[in-house]
Every structure is written in structure tokens, then in C-alpha cells.
């Protein structure tokens, strides 16, 4: 599965998993922001920080967190 940072802007995808070995607080934080397996998301902006539009609203994240989110294309 590709990481979210590899997806083109405004391409809708679905979150498959979050790779945060050794950092369970990151997983909890992302889930509270609406970024959990099954959630739909798209990248709105990449610079100066990532801005994502998810099912539950708009979220700003650093690149390291975005790289840990694995996604799949929505058919």
C-alpha cells in the first residue's frame, strides 16, 4: 500500500492502516482527528504543511505523520 504522501493532491483515497510502531500516541492522535482505517481522505495542500480533507473535517499534519498513513485508491 502506498503512503498518503505519494498520492496526488485532491485524489480521494481510503485509509488502510497507520504505521506507527513504537508510537501508539500518534495512532490515537490521528484517529481522534478522523484518520482511521476506512476513512476517506484527500490531500488539499502540501506546503508549508500538509492539509488533509477527511470524512470528519480538515486536518493539518507534518510530513512524518502523513508518510505513516497507508492508503488505497477509491474506485
PDB file of N, CA and C in Angstrom:
ATOM      1  N   UNK A   1       0.831  -1.180   0.000  1.00  0.00           N
ATOM      2  CA  UNK A   1       0.000   0.000   0.000  1.00  0.00           C
ATOM      3  C   UNK A   1       0.881   1.251   0.000  1.00  0.00           C
ATOM      4  N   UNK A   2       0.533   2.216  -0.815  1.00  0.00           N
ATOM      5  CA  UNK A   2       1.330   3.446  -0.826  1.00  0.00           C
ATOM      6  C   UNK A   2       1.053   4.304   0.409  1.00  0.00           C
ATOM      7  N   UNK A   3       2.013   5.127   0.744  1.00  0.00           N
ATOM      8  CA  UNK A   3       1.821   6.098   1.816  1.00  0.00           C
ATOM      9  C   UNK A   3       1.040   7.284   1.252  1.00  0.00           C
ATOM     10  N   UNK A   4       0.324   7.961   2.115  1.00  0.00           N
ATOM     11  CA  UNK A   4      -0.508   9.083   1.682  1.00  0.00           C
ATOM     12  C   UNK A   4       0.312  10.165   0.989  1.00  0.00           C
ATOM     13  N   UNK A   5       1.547  10.383   1.399  1.00  0.00           N
ATOM     14  CA  UNK A   5       2.353  11.445   0.780  1.00  0.00           C
ATOM     15  C   UNK A   5       2.712  11.143  -0.676  1.00  0.00           C
ATOM     16  N   UNK A   6       2.471   9.917  -1.146  1.00  0.00           N
ATOM     17  CA  UNK A   6       2.758   9.539  -2.532  1.00  0.00           C
ATOM     18  C   UNK A   6       1.570   9.766  -3.461  1.00  0.00           C
ATOM     19  N   UNK A   7       0.463  10.199  -2.916  1.00  0.00           N
ATOM     20  CA  UNK A   7      -0.768  10.390  -3.682  1.00  0.00           C
ATOM     21  C   UNK A   7      -0.845  11.833  -4.180  1.00  0.00           C
ATOM     22  N   UNK A   8      -1.362  12.009  -5.387  1.00  0.00           N
ATOM     23  CA  UNK A   8      -1.531  13.352  -5.957  1.00  0.00           C
ATOM     24  C   UNK A   8      -2.575  14.153  -5.173  1.00  0.00           C
ATOM     25  N   UNK A   9      -2.414  15.465  -5.149  1.00  0.00           N
ATOM     26  CA  UNK A   9      -3.394  16.340  -4.497  1.00  0.00           C
ATOM     27  C   UNK A   9      -4.792  16.097  -5.052  1.00  0.00           C
ATOM     28  N   UNK A  10      -5.773  16.187  -4.175  1.00  0.00           N
ATOM     29  CA  UNK A  10      -7.198  16.082  -4.496  1.00  0.00           C
ATOM     30  C   UNK A  10      -7.631  14.726  -5.048  1.00  0.00           C
ATOM     31  N   UNK A  11      -6.806  13.701  -4.859  1.00  0.00           N
ATOM     32  CA  UNK A  11      -7.189  12.339  -5.245  1.00  0.00           C
ATOM     33  C   UNK A  11      -7.792  11.652  -4.024  1.00  0.00           C
ATOM     34  N   UNK A  12      -9.058  11.265  -4.096  1.00  0.00           N
ATOM     35  CA  UNK A  12      -9.664  10.609  -2.932  1.00  0.00           C
ATOM     36  C   UNK A  12      -9.125   9.193  -2.732  1.00  0.00           C
ATOM     37  N   UNK A  13      -8.781   8.898  -1.488  1.00  0.00           N
ATOM     38  CA  UNK A  13      -8.278   7.578  -1.110  1.00  0.00           C
ATOM     39  C   UNK A  13      -8.922   7.161   0.212  1.00  0.00           C
ATOM     40  N   UNK A  14      -8.734   5.901   0.562  1.00  0.00           N
ATOM     41  CA  UNK A  14      -9.238   5.373   1.824  1.00  0.00           C
ATOM     42  C   UNK A  14      -8.056   4.936   2.679  1.00  0.00           C
ATOM     43  N   UNK A  15      -8.078   5.294   3.959  1.00  0.00           N
ATOM     44  CA  UNK A  15      -7.018   4.896   4.887  1.00  0.00           C
ATOM     45  C   UNK A  15      -7.118   3.390   5.123  1.00  0.00           C
ATOM     46  N   UNK A  16      -5.990   2.703   4.976  1.00  0.00           N
ATOM     47  CA  UNK A  16      -5.927   1.257   5.201  1.00  0.00           C
ATOM     48  C   UNK A  16      -5.305   0.972   6.560  1.00  0.00           C
ATOM     49  N   UNK A  17      -4.208   1.676   6.872  1.00  0.00           N
ATOM     50  CA  UNK A  17      -3.528   1.455   8.146  1.00  0.00           C
ATOM     51  C   UNK A  17      -2.647   2.650   8.484  1.00  0.00           C
ATOM     52  N   UNK A  18      -2.195   2.656   9.726  1.00  0.00           N
ATOM     53  CA  UNK A  18      -1.256   3.679  10.189  1.00  0.00           C
ATOM     54  C   UNK A  18      -0.045   2.945  10.745  1.00  0.00           C
ATOM     55  N   UNK A  19       1.119   3.210  10.178  1.00  0.00           N
ATOM     56  CA  UNK A  19       2.349   2.549  10.612  1.00  0.00           C
ATOM     57  C   UNK A  19       3.054   3.437  11.625  1.00  0.00           C
ATOM     58  N   UNK A  20       2.835   3.137  12.878  1.00  0.00           N
ATOM     59  CA  UNK A  20       3.420   3.955  13.943  1.00  0.00           C
ATOM     60  C   UNK A  20       3.992   3.051  15.025  1.00  0.00           C
ATOM     61  N   UNK A  21       4.849   2.125  14.608  1.00  0.00           N
ATOM     62  CA  UNK A  21       5.469   1.208  15.567  1.00  0.00           C
ATOM     63  C   UNK A  21       6.217   2.002  16.631  1.00  0.00           C
ATOM     64  N   UNK A  22       5.975   1.671  17.874  1.00  0.00           N
ATOM     65  CA  UNK A  22       6.643   2.343  18.978  1.00  0.00           C
ATOM     66  C   UNK A  22       6.070   3.700  19.316  1.00  0.00           C
ATOM     67  N   UNK A  23       4.990   4.113  18.638  1.00  0.00           N
ATOM     68  CA  UNK A  23       4.388   5.422  18.897  1.00  0.00           C
ATOM     69  C   UNK A  23       2.859   5.313  18.901  1.00  0.00           C
ATOM     70  N   UNK A  24       2.292   4.589  19.887  1.00  0.00           N
ATOM     71  CA  UNK A  24       0.832   4.433  19.920  1.00  0.00           C
ATOM     72  C   UNK A  24       0.103   5.758  20.116  1.00  0.00           C
ATOM     73  N   UNK A  25       0.770   6.753  20.674  1.00  0.00           N
ATOM     74  CA  UNK A  25       0.112   8.049  20.854  1.00  0.00           C
ATOM     75  C   UNK A  25      -0.178   8.703  19.507  1.00  0.00           C
ATOM     76  N   UNK A  26       0.678   8.474  18.495  1.00  0.00           N
ATOM     77  CA  UNK A  26       0.429   9.018  17.165  1.00  0.00           C
ATOM     78  C   UNK A  26      -0.827   8.391  16.567  1.00  0.00           C
ATOM     79  N   UNK A  27      -0.971   7.078  16.725  1.00  0.00           N
ATOM     80  CA  UNK A  27      -2.166   6.395  16.211  1.00  0.00           C
ATOM     81  C   UNK A  27      -3.420   6.973  16.862  1.00  0.00           C
ATOM     82  N   UNK A  28      -3.400   7.142  18.175  1.00  0.00           N
ATOM     83  CA  UNK A  28      -4.565   7.721  18.879  1.00  0.00           C
ATOM     84  C   UNK A  28      -4.854   9.133  18.394  1.00  0.00           C
ATOM     85  N   UNK A  29      -3.802   9.920  18.235  1.00  0.00           N
ATOM     86  CA  UNK A  29      -3.971  11.302  17.784  1.00  0.00           C
ATOM     87  C   UNK A  29      -4.607  11.350  16.396  1.00  0.00           C
ATOM     88  N   UNK A  30      -4.097  10.549  15.473  1.00  0.00           N
ATOM     89  CA  UNK A  30      -4.652  10.534  14.120  1.00  0.00           C
ATOM     90  C   UNK A  30      -6.090  10.042  14.114  1.00  0.00           C
ATOM     91  N   UNK A  31      -6.389   9.039  14.928  1.00  0.00           N
ATOM     92  CA  UNK A  31      -7.758   8.523  14.982  1.00  0.00           C
ATOM     93  C   UNK A  31      -8.719   9.576  15.533  1.00  0.00           C
ATOM     94  N   UNK A  32      -8.284  10.341  16.518  1.00  0.00           N
ATOM     95  CA  UNK A  32      -9.118  11.418  17.055  1.00  0.00           C
ATOM     96  C   UNK A  32      -9.355  12.504  16.021  1.00  0.00           C
ATOM     97  N   UNK A  33      -8.442  12.642  15.077  1.00  0.00           N
ATOM     98  CA  UNK A  33      -8.584  13.634  14.009  1.00  0.00           C
ATOM     99  C   UNK A  33      -9.435  13.112  12.854  1.00  0.00           C
ATOM    100  N   UNK A  34      -9.879  11.865  12.949  1.00  0.00           N
ATOM    101  CA  UNK A  34     -10.713  11.291  11.893  1.00  0.00           C
ATOM    102  C   UNK A  34      -9.931  10.521  10.851  1.00  0.00           C
ATOM    103  N   UNK A  35      -8.667  10.239  11.130  1.00  0.00           N
ATOM    104  CA  UNK A  35      -7.830   9.480  10.198  1.00  0.00           C
ATOM    105  C   UNK A  35      -7.647   8.073  10.752  1.00  0.00           C
ATOM    106  N   UNK A  36      -8.572   7.204  10.439  1.00  0.00           N
ATOM    107  CA  UNK A  36      -8.604   5.832  10.930  1.00  0.00           C
ATOM    108  C   UNK A  36      -8.873   4.905   9.750  1.00  0.00           C
ATOM    109  N   UNK A  37      -8.568   3.624   9.867  1.00  0.00           N
ATOM    110  CA  UNK A  37      -8.830   2.705   8.759  1.00  0.00           C
ATOM    111  C   UNK A  37     -10.287   2.783   8.306  1.00  0.00           C
ATOM    112  N   UNK A  38     -10.443   2.959   6.998  1.00  0.00           N
ATOM    113  CA  UNK A  38     -11.773   3.081   6.404  1.00  0.00           C
ATOM    114  C   UNK A  38     -12.171   4.514   6.095  1.00  0.00           C
ATOM    115  N   UNK A  39     -11.507   5.488   6.702  1.00  0.00           N
ATOM    116  CA  UNK A  39     -11.840   6.898   6.472  1.00  0.00           C
ATOM    117  C   UNK A  39     -11.403   7.324   5.072  1.00  0.00           C
ATOM    118  N   UNK A  40     -12.212   8.162   4.445  1.00  0.00           N
ATOM    119  CA  UNK A  40     -11.850   8.741   3.154  1.00  0.00           C
ATOM    120  C   UNK A  40     -11.080  10.034   3.413  1.00  0.00           C
ATOM    121  N   UNK A  41     -10.051  10.265   2.577  1.00  0.00           N
ATOM    122  CA  UNK A  41      -9.206  11.443   2.767  1.00  0.00           C
ATOM    123  C   UNK A  41      -8.623  11.870   1.420  1.00  0.00           C
ATOM    124  N   UNK A  42      -8.275  13.143   1.313  1.00  0.00           N
ATOM    125  CA  UNK A  42      -7.548  13.634   0.145  1.00  0.00           C
ATOM    126  C   UNK A  42      -6.610  14.735   0.612  1.00  0.00           C
ATOM    127  N   UNK A  43      -5.515  14.917  -0.110  1.00  0.00           N
ATOM    128  CA  UNK A  43      -4.565  15.974   0.202  1.00  0.00           C
ATOM    129  C   UNK A  43      -5.038  17.252  -0.474  1.00  0.00           C
ATOM    130  N   UNK A  44      -5.211  18.294   0.309  1.00  0.00           N
ATOM    131  CA  UNK A  44      -5.609  19.596  -0.223  1.00  0.00           C
ATOM    132  C   UNK A  44      -4.371  20.457  -0.487  1.00  0.00           C
ATOM    133  N   UNK A  45      -3.384  20.374   0.397  1.00  0.00           N
ATOM    134  CA  UNK A  45      -2.183  21.221   0.314  1.00  0.00           C
ATOM    135  C   UNK A  45      -0.996  20.452   0.873  1.00  0.00           C
ATOM    136  N   UNK A  46       0.201  20.705   0.344  1.00  0.00           N
ATOM    137  CA  UNK A  46       1.419  20.039   0.813  1.00  0.00           C
ATOM    138  C   UNK A  46       2.400  20.969   1.508  1.00  0.00           C
ATOM    139  N   UNK A  47       2.356  22.239   1.189  1.00  0.00           N
ATOM    140  CA  UNK A  47       3.348  23.166   1.711  1.00  0.00           C
ATOM    141  C   UNK A  47       2.668  24.421   2.231  1.00  0.00           C
ATOM    142  N   UNK A  48       3.055  24.941   3.372  1.00  0.00           N
ATOM    143  CA  UNK A  48       4.193  24.611   4.222  1.00  0.00           C
ATOM    144  C   UNK A  48       3.948  23.398   5.120  1.00  0.00           C
ATOM    145  N   UNK A  49       2.711  22.968   5.244  1.00  0.00           N
ATOM    146  CA  UNK A  49       2.391  21.739   5.962  1.00  0.00           C
ATOM    147  C   UNK A  49       1.280  21.045   5.196  1.00  0.00           C
ATOM    148  N   UNK A  50       1.128  19.761   5.415  1.00  0.00           N
ATOM    149  CA  UNK A  50       0.061  19.038   4.737  1.00  0.00           C
ATOM    150  C   UNK A  50      -1.285  19.436   5.318  1.00  0.00           C
ATOM    151  N   UNK A  51      -2.240  19.691   4.436  1.00  0.00           N
ATOM    152  CA  UNK A  51      -3.625  19.924   4.847  1.00  0.00           C
ATOM    153  C   UNK A  51      -4.446  18.842   4.169  1.00  0.00           C
ATOM    154  N   UNK A  52      -5.123  18.043   4.997  1.00  0.00           N
ATOM    155  CA  UNK A  52      -5.922  16.930   4.502  1.00  0.00           C
ATOM    156  C   UNK A  52      -7.394  17.219   4.731  1.00  0.00           C
ATOM    157  N   UNK A  53      -8.211  16.783   3.798  1.00  0.00           N
ATOM    158  CA  UNK A  53      -9.656  16.848   3.966  1.00  0.00           C
ATOM    159  C   UNK A  53     -10.117  15.412   4.164  1.00  0.00           C
ATOM    160  N   UNK A  54     -10.676  15.139   5.336  1.00  0.00           N
ATOM    161  CA  UNK A  54     -11.125  13.790   5.689  1.00  0.00           C
ATOM    162  C   UNK A  54     -12.630  13.796   5.891  1.00  0.00           C
ATOM    163  N   UNK A  55     -13.192  12.615   6.114  1.00  0.00           N
ATOM    164  CA  UNK A  55     -14.632  12.496   6.379  1.00  0.00           C
ATOM    165  C   UNK A  55     -15.070  13.438   7.487  1.00  0.00           C
ATOM    166  N   UNK A  56     -14.242  13.586   8.496  1.00  0.00           N
ATOM    167  CA  UNK A  56     -14.624  14.311   9.705  1.00  0.00           C
ATOM    168  C   UNK A  56     -14.187  15.765   9.715  1.00  0.00           C
ATOM    169  N   UNK A  57     -13.542  16.250   8.665  1.00  0.00           N
ATOM    170  CA  UNK A  57     -13.130  17.646   8.621  1.00  0.00           C
ATOM    171  C   UNK A  57     -11.749  17.833   8.027  1.00  0.00           C
ATOM    172  N   UNK A  58     -11.189  19.001   8.249  1.00  0.00           N
ATOM    173  CA  UNK A  58      -9.882  19.362   7.709  1.00  0.00           C
ATOM    174  C   UNK A  58      -8.825  19.236   8.803  1.00  0.00           C
ATOM    175  N   UNK A  59      -7.671  18.666   8.426  1.00  0.00           N
ATOM    176  CA  UNK A  59      -6.612  18.376   9.389  1.00  0.00           C
ATOM    177  C   UNK A  59      -5.274  18.853   8.813  1.00  0.00           C
ATOM    178  N   UNK A  60      -4.446  19.465   9.637  1.00  0.00           N
ATOM    179  CA  UNK A  60      -3.081  19.832   9.243  1.00  0.00           C
ATOM    180  C   UNK A  60      -2.103  18.886   9.930  1.00  0.00           C
ATOM    181  N   UNK A  61      -1.162  18.337   9.158  1.00  0.00           N
ATOM    182  CA  UNK A  61      -0.198  17.376   9.696  1.00  0.00           C
ATOM    183  C   UNK A  61       1.193  17.628   9.143  1.00  0.00           C
ATOM    184  N   UNK A  62       2.190  17.244   9.919  1.00  0.00           N
ATOM    185  CA  UNK A  62       3.573  17.274   9.454  1.00  0.00           C
ATOM    186  C   UNK A  62       3.813  16.102   8.503  1.00  0.00           C
ATOM    187  N   UNK A  63       4.814  16.230   7.664  1.00  0.00           N
ATOM    188  CA  UNK A  63       5.108  15.221   6.650  1.00  0.00           C
ATOM    189  C   UNK A  63       5.381  13.846   7.253  1.00  0.00           C
ATOM    190  N   UNK A  64       6.059  13.777   8.388  1.00  0.00           N
ATOM    191  CA  UNK A  64       6.369  12.488   9.006  1.00  0.00           C
ATOM    192  C   UNK A  64       5.100  11.697   9.319  1.00  0.00           C
ATOM    193  N   UNK A  65       4.084  12.361   9.822  1.00  0.00           N
ATOM    194  CA  UNK A  65       2.822  11.673  10.133  1.00  0.00           C
ATOM    195  C   UNK A  65       2.122  11.222   8.855  1.00  0.00           C
ATOM    196  N   UNK A  66       2.139  12.057   7.822  1.00  0.00           N
ATOM    197  CA  UNK A  66       1.479  11.706   6.555  1.00  0.00           C
ATOM    198  C   UNK A  66       2.143  10.486   5.927  1.00  0.00           C
ATOM    199  N   UNK A  67       3.453  10.370   6.052  1.00  0.00           N
ATOM    200  CA  UNK A  67       4.162   9.210   5.500  1.00  0.00           C
ATOM    201  C   UNK A  67       3.789   7.908   6.177  1.00  0.00           C
ATOM    202  N   UNK A  68       3.265   7.962   7.366  1.00  0.00           N
ATOM    203  CA  UNK A  68       2.909   6.744   8.113  1.00  0.00           C
ATOM    204  C   UNK A  68       1.499   6.236   7.794  1.00  0.00           C
ATOM    205  N   UNK A  69       0.727   7.015   7.054  1.00  0.00           N
ATOM    206  CA  UNK A  69      -0.651   6.637   6.721  1.00  0.00           C
ATOM    207  C   UNK A  69      -0.643   5.899   5.402  1.00  0.00           C
ATOM    208  N   UNK A  70      -1.063   4.640   5.422  1.00  0.00           N
ATOM    209  CA  UNK A  70      -1.136   3.809   4.220  1.00  0.00           C
ATOM    210  C   UNK A  70      -2.553   3.893   3.669  1.00  0.00           C
ATOM    211  N   UNK A  71      -2.646   4.013   2.337  1.00  0.00           N
ATOM    212  CA  UNK A  71      -3.955   4.248   1.709  1.00  0.00           C
ATOM    213  C   UNK A  71      -4.143   3.361   0.488  1.00  0.00           C
ATOM    214  N   UNK A  72      -5.393   3.318   0.021  1.00  0.00           N
ATOM    215  CA  UNK A  72      -5.699   2.650  -1.253  1.00  0.00           C
ATOM    216  C   UNK A  72      -6.657   3.549  -2.015  1.00  0.00           C
ATOM    217  N   UNK A  73      -6.601   3.428  -3.329  1.00  0.00           N
ATOM    218  CA  UNK A  73      -7.453   4.241  -4.194  1.00  0.00           C
ATOM    219  C   UNK A  73      -8.922   3.858  -4.001  1.00  0.00           C
ATOM    220  N   UNK A  74      -9.787   4.839  -4.162  1.00  0.00           N
ATOM    221  CA  UNK A  74     -11.229   4.595  -4.115  1.00  0.00           C
ATOM    222  C   UNK A  74     -11.693   4.433  -5.546  1.00  0.00           C
ATOM    223  N   UNK A  75     -12.305   3.301  -5.837  1.00  0.00           N
ATOM    224  CA  UNK A  75     -12.770   3.023  -7.199  1.00  0.00           C
ATOM    225  C   UNK A  75     -14.048   3.766  -7.525  1.00  0.00           C
TER     226      UNK A  75
END
